[in-house]
Protein backbone atom coordinates (compact mmCIF):
# COMPACT_ATOMS: atom_id res chain seq x y z
CA UNK A 1 100.69 95.55 98.19
CA UNK A 2 97.51 97.04 96.80
CA UNK A 3 95.30 96.52 99.85
CA UNK A 4 93.95 99.49 101.80
CA UNK A 5 93.99 99.25 105.59
CA UNK A 6 90.55 100.30 106.82
CA UNK A 7 89.81 102.15 110.02
CA UNK A 8 86.72 103.85 111.40
CA UNK A 9 88.17 107.12 110.16
CA UNK A 10 88.67 106.18 106.50
CA UNK A 11 85.81 103.67 106.02
CA UNK A 12 83.33 106.14 104.53
CA UNK A 13 85.83 107.52 102.03
CA UNK A 14 87.41 104.19 101.04
CA UNK A 15 84.24 102.05 100.89
CA UNK A 16 81.00 104.01 100.90
CA UNK A 17 82.18 106.67 98.43
CA UNK A 18 84.04 104.29 96.12
CA UNK A 19 82.77 103.97 92.54
CA UNK A 20 84.18 100.48 91.96
CA UNK A 21 83.36 97.25 93.86
CA UNK A 22 85.08 96.96 97.23
CA UNK A 23 86.18 93.72 98.85
CA UNK A 24 86.75 93.95 102.61
CA UNK A 25 88.69 91.23 104.43
CA UNK A 26 88.15 91.06 108.22
CA UNK A 27 91.11 89.22 109.73
CA UNK A 28 93.48 88.88 112.71
CA UNK A 29 97.17 88.05 113.03
CA UNK A 30 96.48 85.01 115.24
CA UNK A 31 93.95 83.45 112.83
CA UNK A 32 95.40 80.59 110.75
CA UNK A 33 92.66 80.57 108.07
CA UNK A 34 93.04 84.37 107.81
CA UNK A 35 96.74 83.96 107.04
CA UNK A 36 95.93 81.35 104.37
CA UNK A 37 93.34 83.66 102.82
CA UNK A 38 95.73 86.65 102.91
CA UNK A 39 97.69 85.30 99.94
CA UNK A 40 94.51 85.02 97.87
CA UNK A 41 93.34 88.50 98.91
CA UNK A 42 96.72 89.95 97.88
CA UNK A 43 96.55 88.21 94.49
CA UNK A 44 93.06 89.59 93.87
CA UNK A 45 94.24 93.09 94.81
CA UNK A 46 97.30 92.91 92.56
CA UNK A 47 95.40 91.46 89.59
CA UNK A 48 92.46 93.89 89.73
CA UNK A 49 93.97 97.33 90.32
CA UNK A 50 91.44 99.94 89.22
CA UNK A 51 88.65 97.36 88.87
CA UNK A 52 88.24 96.23 92.49
CA UNK A 53 89.37 97.98 95.65
CA UNK A 54 90.62 95.47 98.21
CA UNK A 55 90.62 96.48 101.86
CA UNK A 56 91.63 94.81 105.11
CA UNK A 57 90.28 95.25 108.62
CA UNK A 58 92.26 93.90 111.57
CA UNK A 59 89.44 92.99 113.97
CA UNK A 60 91.70 93.38 117.01
CA UNK A 61 92.45 96.99 116.08
CA UNK A 62 89.08 97.98 114.61
CA UNK A 63 86.51 96.25 116.84
CA UNK A 64 83.85 98.87 116.09
CA UNK A 65 83.91 98.08 112.37
CA UNK A 66 83.69 94.36 113.09
CA UNK A 67 80.70 94.97 115.37
CA UNK A 68 79.06 97.29 112.84
CA UNK A 69 79.00 94.47 110.27
CA UNK A 70 78.26 91.67 112.75
CA UNK A 71 81.58 89.95 112.14
CA UNK A 72 81.60 87.12 114.68
CA UNK A 73 83.91 84.68 112.88
CA UNK A 74 87.00 85.33 110.82
CA UNK A 75 88.00 85.39 108.12
CA UNK A 76 84.94 87.24 106.87
CA UNK A 77 84.89 88.86 103.44
CA UNK A 78 82.32 91.51 102.57
CA UNK A 79 81.54 92.87 99.13
CA UNK A 80 80.28 96.42 98.63
CA UNK A 81 78.90 97.99 95.47
CA UNK A 82 77.96 101.66 95.32
CA UNK A 83 78.69 101.89 99.03
CA UNK A 84 76.19 99.18 99.96
CA UNK A 85 76.92 95.73 101.36
CA UNK A 86 75.90 93.18 98.75
CA UNK A 87 77.45 89.84 99.81
CA UNK A 88 79.21 88.20 102.73
CA UNK A 89 81.41 85.12 103.01
CA UNK A 90 82.52 83.58 106.30
CA UNK A 91 85.52 81.28 106.63
CA UNK A 92 88.27 80.30 104.24
CA UNK A 93 87.23 80.10 100.60
CA UNK A 94 88.88 79.81 97.21
CA UNK A 95 89.94 82.66 95.00
CA UNK A 96 87.10 81.90 92.59
CA UNK A 97 84.54 81.90 95.39
CA UNK A 98 85.72 85.35 96.44
CA UNK A 99 85.63 86.65 92.87
CA UNK A 100 82.11 85.23 92.50
CA UNK A 101 81.00 87.51 95.35
CA UNK A 102 81.66 90.44 93.06
């Protein structure tokens, strides 16, 4: 597993100070589409080690992060480059659609 679990405490270090693109998956254990997307997110993480950092935010545990980025529906995937939010995708999407965000 190459995904980083994000919290309020490590967000700045893991995302804002990262020098490679960062993909952040906002999800919950009870969300069916989130579980379907989890496999794709894991594949992307495993296939792009060192090129893309893949992170996960459990919205039930990190509500402040979800609020900070106006996550109202899950799954939501955010893309960051140079610490800045560049793209956002809401709902289940294909692997290629996620890679296209980057």
